Amino acid sequence: EAAEQLWQALTPEQKQAVEAVAVDRW
């Protein structure tokens, strides 16, 4: 739920512009 919450802060246009995401292997 917390991981999903991060994405709610972005607009659809911002999400569409995301090219890469750096994360651990969780």
PDB file of all heavy atoms in Angstrom:
ATOM      1  N   GLU A   1       0.828  -1.206   0.000  1.00  0.00           N
ATOM      2  CA  GLU A   1       0.000   0.000   0.000  1.00  0.00           C
ATOM      3  C   GLU A   1       0.864   1.258   0.000  1.00  0.00           C
ATOM      4  O   GLU A   1       0.554   2.234  -0.683  1.00  0.00           O
ATOM      5  CB  GLU A   1      -0.936   0.006   1.214  1.00  0.00           C
ATOM      6  CG  GLU A   1      -2.000  -1.066   1.183  1.00  0.00           C
ATOM      7  CD  GLU A   1      -1.490  -2.458   1.561  1.00  0.00           C
ATOM      8  OE1 GLU A   1      -0.396  -2.581   2.200  1.00  0.00           O
ATOM      9  OE2 GLU A   1      -2.149  -3.433   1.190  1.00  0.00           O
ATOM     10  N   ALA A   2       1.944   1.248   0.741  1.00  0.00           N
ATOM     11  CA  ALA A   2       2.845   2.400   0.779  1.00  0.00           C
ATOM     12  C   ALA A   2       3.525   2.592  -0.571  1.00  0.00           C
ATOM     13  O   ALA A   2       3.667   3.721  -1.056  1.00  0.00           O
ATOM     14  CB  ALA A   2       3.885   2.228   1.878  1.00  0.00           C
ATOM     15  N   ALA A   3       3.927   1.502  -1.206  1.00  0.00           N
ATOM     16  CA  ALA A   3       4.545   1.595  -2.524  1.00  0.00           C
ATOM     17  C   ALA A   3       3.555   2.164  -3.535  1.00  0.00           C
ATOM     18  O   ALA A   3       3.904   3.024  -4.352  1.00  0.00           O
ATOM     19  CB  ALA A   3       5.045   0.223  -2.970  1.00  0.00           C
ATOM     20  N   GLU A   4       2.310   1.727  -3.474  1.00  0.00           N
ATOM     21  CA  GLU A   4       1.280   2.256  -4.368  1.00  0.00           C
ATOM     22  C   GLU A   4       1.014   3.729  -4.090  1.00  0.00           C
ATOM     23  O   GLU A   4       0.755   4.507  -5.013  1.00  0.00           O
ATOM     24  CB  GLU A   4       0.000   1.440  -4.233  1.00  0.00           C
ATOM     25  CG  GLU A   4       0.133   0.034  -4.787  1.00  0.00           C
ATOM     26  CD  GLU A   4      -1.056  -0.848  -4.484  1.00  0.00           C
ATOM     27  OE1 GLU A   4      -1.906  -0.474  -3.639  1.00  0.00           O
ATOM     28  OE2 GLU A   4      -1.139  -1.928  -5.095  1.00  0.00           O
ATOM     29  N   GLN A   5       1.080   4.126  -2.835  1.00  0.00           N
ATOM     30  CA  GLN A   5       0.842   5.514  -2.443  1.00  0.00           C
ATOM     31  C   GLN A   5       1.821   6.473  -3.129  1.00  0.00           C
ATOM     32  O   GLN A   5       1.449   7.588  -3.499  1.00  0.00           O
ATOM     33  CB  GLN A   5       0.957   5.644  -0.925  1.00  0.00           C
ATOM     34  CG  GLN A   5       0.754   7.031  -0.384  1.00  0.00           C
ATOM     35  CD  GLN A   5       0.995   7.079   1.114  1.00  0.00           C
ATOM     36  OE1 GLN A   5       1.028   6.056   1.790  1.00  0.00           O
ATOM     37  NE2 GLN A   5       1.162   8.267   1.637  1.00  0.00           N
ATOM     38  N   LEU A   6       3.050   6.043  -3.313  1.00  0.00           N
ATOM     39  CA  LEU A   6       4.040   6.886  -3.981  1.00  0.00           C
ATOM     40  C   LEU A   6       3.573   7.292  -5.375  1.00  0.00           C
ATOM     41  O   LEU A   6       3.763   8.433  -5.796  1.00  0.00           O
ATOM     42  CB  LEU A   6       5.377   6.163  -4.088  1.00  0.00           C
ATOM     43  CG  LEU A   6       6.156   5.980  -2.795  1.00  0.00           C
ATOM     44  CD1 LEU A   6       7.330   5.051  -3.024  1.00  0.00           C
ATOM     45  CD2 LEU A   6       6.624   7.323  -2.264  1.00  0.00           C
ATOM     46  N   TRP A   7       2.975   6.359  -6.096  1.00  0.00           N
ATOM     47  CA  TRP A   7       2.548   6.632  -7.467  1.00  0.00           C
ATOM     48  C   TRP A   7       1.357   7.566  -7.533  1.00  0.00           C
ATOM     49  O   TRP A   7       1.157   8.237  -8.551  1.00  0.00           O
ATOM     50  CB  TRP A   7       2.249   5.322  -8.193  1.00  0.00           C
ATOM     51  CG  TRP A   7       3.494   4.533  -8.387  1.00  0.00           C
ATOM     52  CD1 TRP A   7       3.887   3.408  -7.706  1.00  0.00           C
ATOM     53  CD2 TRP A   7       4.556   4.844  -9.281  1.00  0.00           C
ATOM     54  NE1 TRP A   7       5.117   3.008  -8.135  1.00  0.00           N
ATOM     55  CE2 TRP A   7       5.559   3.871  -9.104  1.00  0.00           C
ATOM     56  CE3 TRP A   7       4.769   5.848 -10.214  1.00  0.00           C
ATOM     57  CZ2 TRP A   7       6.742   3.867  -9.836  1.00  0.00           C
ATOM     58  CZ3 TRP A   7       5.947   5.848 -10.945  1.00  0.00           C
ATOM     59  CH2 TRP A   7       6.912   4.864 -10.753  1.00  0.00           C
ATOM     60  N   GLN A   8       0.565   7.635  -6.469  1.00  0.00           N
ATOM     61  CA  GLN A   8      -0.609   8.510  -6.474  1.00  0.00           C
ATOM     62  C   GLN A   8      -0.234   9.989  -6.478  1.00  0.00           C
ATOM     63  O   GLN A   8      -1.042  10.838  -6.833  1.00  0.00           O
ATOM     64  CB  GLN A   8      -1.514   8.185  -5.278  1.00  0.00           C
ATOM     65  CG  GLN A   8      -1.974   6.745  -5.218  1.00  0.00           C
ATOM     66  CD  GLN A   8      -2.498   6.217  -6.545  1.00  0.00           C
ATOM     67  OE1 GLN A   8      -3.321   6.856  -7.190  1.00  0.00           O
ATOM     68  NE2 GLN A   8      -1.999   5.063  -6.970  1.00  0.00           N
ATOM     69  N   ALA A   9       1.005  10.298  -6.128  1.00  0.00           N
ATOM     70  CA  ALA A   9       1.464  11.693  -6.116  1.00  0.00           C
ATOM     71  C   ALA A   9       1.774  12.199  -7.529  1.00  0.00           C
ATOM     72  O   ALA A   9       1.951  13.397  -7.720  1.00  0.00           O
ATOM     73  CB  ALA A   9       2.710  11.819  -5.235  1.00  0.00           C
ATOM     74  N   LEU A  10       1.832  11.288  -8.505  1.00  0.00           N
ATOM     75  CA  LEU A  10       2.164  11.670  -9.873  1.00  0.00           C
ATOM     76  C   LEU A  10       0.903  11.772 -10.738  1.00  0.00           C
ATOM     77  O   LEU A  10      -0.029  10.985 -10.584  1.00  0.00           O
ATOM     78  CB  LEU A  10       3.096  10.640 -10.510  1.00  0.00           C
ATOM     79  CG  LEU A  10       4.459  10.445  -9.873  1.00  0.00           C
ATOM     80  CD1 LEU A  10       5.226   9.349 -10.609  1.00  0.00           C
ATOM     81  CD2 LEU A  10       5.248  11.736  -9.869  1.00  0.00           C
ATOM     82  N   THR A  11       0.911  12.717 -11.647  1.00  0.00           N
ATOM     83  CA  THR A  11      -0.178  12.824 -12.612  1.00  0.00           C
ATOM     84  C   THR A  11       0.011  11.757 -13.683  1.00  0.00           C
ATOM     85  O   THR A  11       1.112  11.226 -13.851  1.00  0.00           O
ATOM     86  CB  THR A  11      -0.182  14.212 -13.286  1.00  0.00           C
ATOM     87  OG1 THR A  11       1.009  14.330 -14.087  1.00  0.00           O
ATOM     88  CG2 THR A  11      -0.263  15.336 -12.270  1.00  0.00           C
ATOM     89  N   PRO A  12      -1.035  11.460 -14.444  1.00  0.00           N
ATOM     90  CA  PRO A  12      -0.864  10.502 -15.548  1.00  0.00           C
ATOM     91  C   PRO A  12       0.232  10.934 -16.530  1.00  0.00           C
ATOM     92  O   PRO A  12       0.976  10.097 -17.037  1.00  0.00           O
ATOM     93  CB  PRO A  12      -2.237  10.487 -16.213  1.00  0.00           C
ATOM     94  CG  PRO A  12      -3.184  10.830 -15.105  1.00  0.00           C
ATOM     95  CD  PRO A  12      -2.436  11.840 -14.260  1.00  0.00           C
ATOM     96  N   GLU A  13       0.339  12.226 -16.781  1.00  0.00           N
ATOM     97  CA  GLU A  13       1.372  12.725 -17.687  1.00  0.00           C
ATOM     98  C   GLU A  13       2.768  12.470 -17.120  1.00  0.00           C
ATOM     99  O   GLU A  13       3.697  12.116 -17.850  1.00  0.00           O
ATOM    100  CB  GLU A  13       1.174  14.220 -17.945  1.00  0.00           C
ATOM    101  CG  GLU A  13      -0.088  14.550 -18.713  1.00  0.00           C
ATOM    102  CD  GLU A  13      -1.354  14.545 -17.864  1.00  0.00           C
ATOM    103  OE1 GLU A  13      -1.278  14.591 -16.601  1.00  0.00           O
ATOM    104  OE2 GLU A  13      -2.448  14.477 -18.450  1.00  0.00           O
ATOM    105  N   GLN A  14       2.930  12.677 -15.818  1.00  0.00           N
ATOM    106  CA  GLN A  14       4.223  12.415 -15.182  1.00  0.00           C
ATOM    107  C   GLN A  14       4.565  10.932 -15.244  1.00  0.00           C
ATOM    108  O   GLN A  14       5.703  10.567 -15.528  1.00  0.00           O
ATOM    109  CB  GLN A  14       4.221  12.908 -13.738  1.00  0.00           C
ATOM    110  CG  GLN A  14       4.211  14.409 -13.609  1.00  0.00           C
ATOM    111  CD  GLN A  14       4.002  14.859 -12.176  1.00  0.00           C
ATOM    112  OE1 GLN A  14       3.152  14.339 -11.465  1.00  0.00           O
ATOM    113  NE2 GLN A  14       4.786  15.841 -11.764  1.00  0.00           N
ATOM    114  N   LYS A  15       3.588  10.077 -14.987  1.00  0.00           N
ATOM    115  CA  LYS A  15       3.827   8.633 -15.060  1.00  0.00           C
ATOM    116  C   LYS A  15       4.247   8.227 -16.464  1.00  0.00           C
ATOM    117  O   LYS A  15       5.146   7.408 -16.639  1.00  0.00           O
ATOM    118  CB  LYS A  15       2.580   7.851 -14.651  1.00  0.00           C
ATOM    119  CG  LYS A  15       2.257   7.921 -13.179  1.00  0.00           C
ATOM    120  CD  LYS A  15       1.023   7.097 -12.894  1.00  0.00           C
ATOM    121  CE  LYS A  15       0.503   7.312 -11.515  1.00  0.00           C
ATOM    122  NZ  LYS A  15      -0.723   6.545 -11.258  1.00  0.00           N
ATOM    123  N   GLN A  16       3.616   8.817 -17.461  1.00  0.00           N
ATOM    124  CA  GLN A  16       3.933   8.481 -18.840  1.00  0.00           C
ATOM    125  C   GLN A  16       5.363   8.879 -19.195  1.00  0.00           C
ATOM    126  O   GLN A  16       6.001   8.245 -20.030  1.00  0.00           O
ATOM    127  CB  GLN A  16       2.950   9.161 -19.779  1.00  0.00           C
ATOM    128  CG  GLN A  16       3.084   8.730 -21.210  1.00  0.00           C
ATOM    129  CD  GLN A  16       1.998   9.329 -22.082  1.00  0.00           C
ATOM    130  OE1 GLN A  16       1.350  10.302 -21.723  1.00  0.00           O
ATOM    131  NE2 GLN A  16       1.808   8.735 -23.240  1.00  0.00           N
ATOM    132  N   ALA A  17       5.888   9.893 -18.526  1.00  0.00           N
ATOM    133  CA  ALA A  17       7.237  10.383 -18.814  1.00  0.00           C
ATOM    134  C   ALA A  17       8.334   9.582 -18.103  1.00  0.00           C
ATOM    135  O   ALA A  17       9.509   9.762 -18.403  1.00  0.00           O
ATOM    136  CB  ALA A  17       7.340  11.852 -18.432  1.00  0.00           C
ATOM    137  N   VAL A  18       7.955   8.706 -17.167  1.00  0.00           N
ATOM    138  CA  VAL A  18       8.948   7.932 -16.420  1.00  0.00           C
ATOM    139  C   VAL A  18       9.622   6.930 -17.360  1.00  0.00           C
ATOM    140  O   VAL A  18       8.957   6.118 -17.999  1.00  0.00           O
ATOM    141  CB  VAL A  18       8.297   7.194 -15.221  1.00  0.00           C
ATOM    142  CG1 VAL A  18       9.294   6.258 -14.557  1.00  0.00           C
ATOM    143  CG2 VAL A  18       7.740   8.194 -14.220  1.00  0.00           C
ATOM    144  N   GLU A  19      10.937   7.007 -17.435  1.00  0.00           N
ATOM    145  CA  GLU A  19      11.695   6.101 -18.302  1.00  0.00           C
ATOM    146  C   GLU A  19      12.334   4.957 -17.523  1.00  0.00           C
ATOM    147  O   GLU A  19      12.503   3.866 -18.052  1.00  0.00           O
ATOM    148  CB  GLU A  19      12.786   6.873 -19.031  1.00  0.00           C
ATOM    149  CG  GLU A  19      12.227   7.902 -19.998  1.00  0.00           C
ATOM    150  CD  GLU A  19      13.308   8.683 -20.698  1.00  0.00           C
ATOM    151  OE1 GLU A  19      14.497   8.290 -20.629  1.00  0.00           O
ATOM    152  OE2 GLU A  19      12.969   9.703 -21.320  1.00  0.00           O
ATOM    153  N   ALA A  20      12.715   5.217 -16.267  1.00  0.00           N
ATOM    154  CA  ALA A  20      13.371   4.190 -15.451  1.00  0.00           C
ATOM    155  C   ALA A  20      13.115   4.483 -13.981  1.00  0.00           C
ATOM    156  O   ALA A  20      12.932   5.634 -13.588  1.00  0.00           O
ATOM    157  CB  ALA A  20      14.867   4.169 -15.723  1.00  0.00           C
ATOM    158  N   VAL A  21      13.106   3.414 -13.192  1.00  0.00           N
ATOM    159  CA  VAL A  21      12.921   3.531 -11.746  1.00  0.00           C
ATOM    160  C   VAL A  21      13.992   2.691 -11.068  1.00  0.00           C
ATOM    161  O   VAL A  21      14.155   1.510 -11.381  1.00  0.00           O
ATOM    162  CB  VAL A  21      11.523   3.032 -11.317  1.00  0.00           C
ATOM    163  CG1 VAL A  21      11.327   3.199  -9.824  1.00  0.00           C
ATOM    164  CG2 VAL A  21      10.417   3.748 -12.087  1.00  0.00           C
ATOM    165  N   ALA A  22      14.732   3.303 -10.154  1.00  0.00           N
ATOM    166  CA  ALA A  22      15.765   2.590  -9.401  1.00  0.00           C
ATOM    167  C   ALA A  22      15.205   2.173  -8.050  1.00  0.00           C
ATOM    168  O   ALA A  22      14.709   3.018  -7.295  1.00  0.00           O
ATOM    169  CB  ALA A  22      16.987   3.480  -9.208  1.00  0.00           C
ATOM    170  N   VAL A  23      15.266   0.884  -7.778  1.00  0.00           N
ATOM    171  CA  VAL A  23      14.730   0.338  -6.528  1.00  0.00           C
ATOM    172  C   VAL A  23      15.563  -0.857  -6.095  1.00  0.00           C
ATOM    173  O   VAL A  23      16.342  -1.406  -6.867  1.00  0.00           O
ATOM    174  CB  VAL A  23      13.259  -0.128  -6.680  1.00  0.00           C
ATOM    175  CG1 VAL A  23      12.330   1.029  -6.931  1.00  0.00           C
ATOM    176  CG2 VAL A  23      13.107  -1.169  -7.755  1.00  0.00           C
ATOM    177  N   ASP A  24      15.353  -1.270  -4.834  1.00  0.00           N
ATOM    178  CA  ASP A  24      15.963  -2.526  -4.418  1.00  0.00           C
ATOM    179  C   ASP A  24      15.103  -3.665  -4.979  1.00  0.00           C
ATOM    180  O   ASP A  24      14.179  -3.431  -5.748  1.00  0.00           O
ATOM    181  CB  ASP A  24      16.152  -2.585  -2.905  1.00  0.00           C
ATOM    182  CG  ASP A  24      14.851  -2.581  -2.110  1.00  0.00           C
ATOM    183  OD1 ASP A  24      13.794  -2.963  -2.655  1.00  0.00           O
ATOM    184  OD2 ASP A  24      14.882  -2.207  -0.934  1.00  0.00           O
ATOM    185  N   ARG A  25      15.379  -4.863  -4.605  1.00  0.00           N
ATOM    186  CA  ARG A  25      14.726  -6.017  -5.226  1.00  0.00           C
ATOM    187  C   ARG A  25      13.442  -6.438  -4.513  1.00  0.00           C
ATOM    188  O   ARG A  25      12.940  -7.541  -4.724  1.00  0.00           O
ATOM    189  CB  ARG A  25      15.722  -7.187  -5.275  1.00  0.00           C
ATOM    190  CG  ARG A  25      16.958  -6.809  -6.090  1.00  0.00           C
ATOM    191  CD  ARG A  25      17.900  -7.959  -6.274  1.00  0.00           C
ATOM    192  NE  ARG A  25      17.314  -8.854  -7.261  1.00  0.00           N
ATOM    193  CZ  ARG A  25      16.926 -10.092  -7.006  1.00  0.00           C
ATOM    194  NH1 ARG A  25      17.075 -10.619  -5.820  1.00  0.00           N
ATOM    195  NH2 ARG A  25      16.399 -10.833  -7.945  1.00  0.00           N
ATOM    196  N   TRP A  26      12.868  -5.561  -3.698  1.00  0.00           N
ATOM    197  CA  TRP A  26      11.664  -5.899  -2.951  1.00  0.00           C
ATOM    198  C   TRP A  26      10.495  -6.068  -3.917  1.00  0.00           C
ATOM    199  O   TRP A  26      10.163  -5.168  -4.694  1.00  0.00           O
ATOM    200  CB  TRP A  26      11.388  -4.815  -1.911  1.00  0.00           C
ATOM    201  CG  TRP A  26      10.334  -5.153  -0.919  1.00  0.00           C
ATOM    202  CD1 TRP A  26      10.259  -6.273  -0.140  1.00  0.00           C
ATOM    203  CD2 TRP A  26       9.215  -4.352  -0.574  1.00  0.00           C
ATOM    204  NE1 TRP A  26       9.161  -6.226   0.675  1.00  0.00           N
ATOM    205  CE2 TRP A  26       8.496  -5.041   0.417  1.00  0.00           C
ATOM    206  CE3 TRP A  26       8.740  -3.130  -1.004  1.00  0.00           C
ATOM    207  CZ2 TRP A  26       7.329  -4.544   0.991  1.00  0.00           C
ATOM    208  CZ3 TRP A  26       7.592  -2.634  -0.434  1.00  0.00           C
ATOM    209  CH2 TRP A  26       6.902  -3.345   0.553  1.00  0.00           C
TER     210      TRP A  26
END
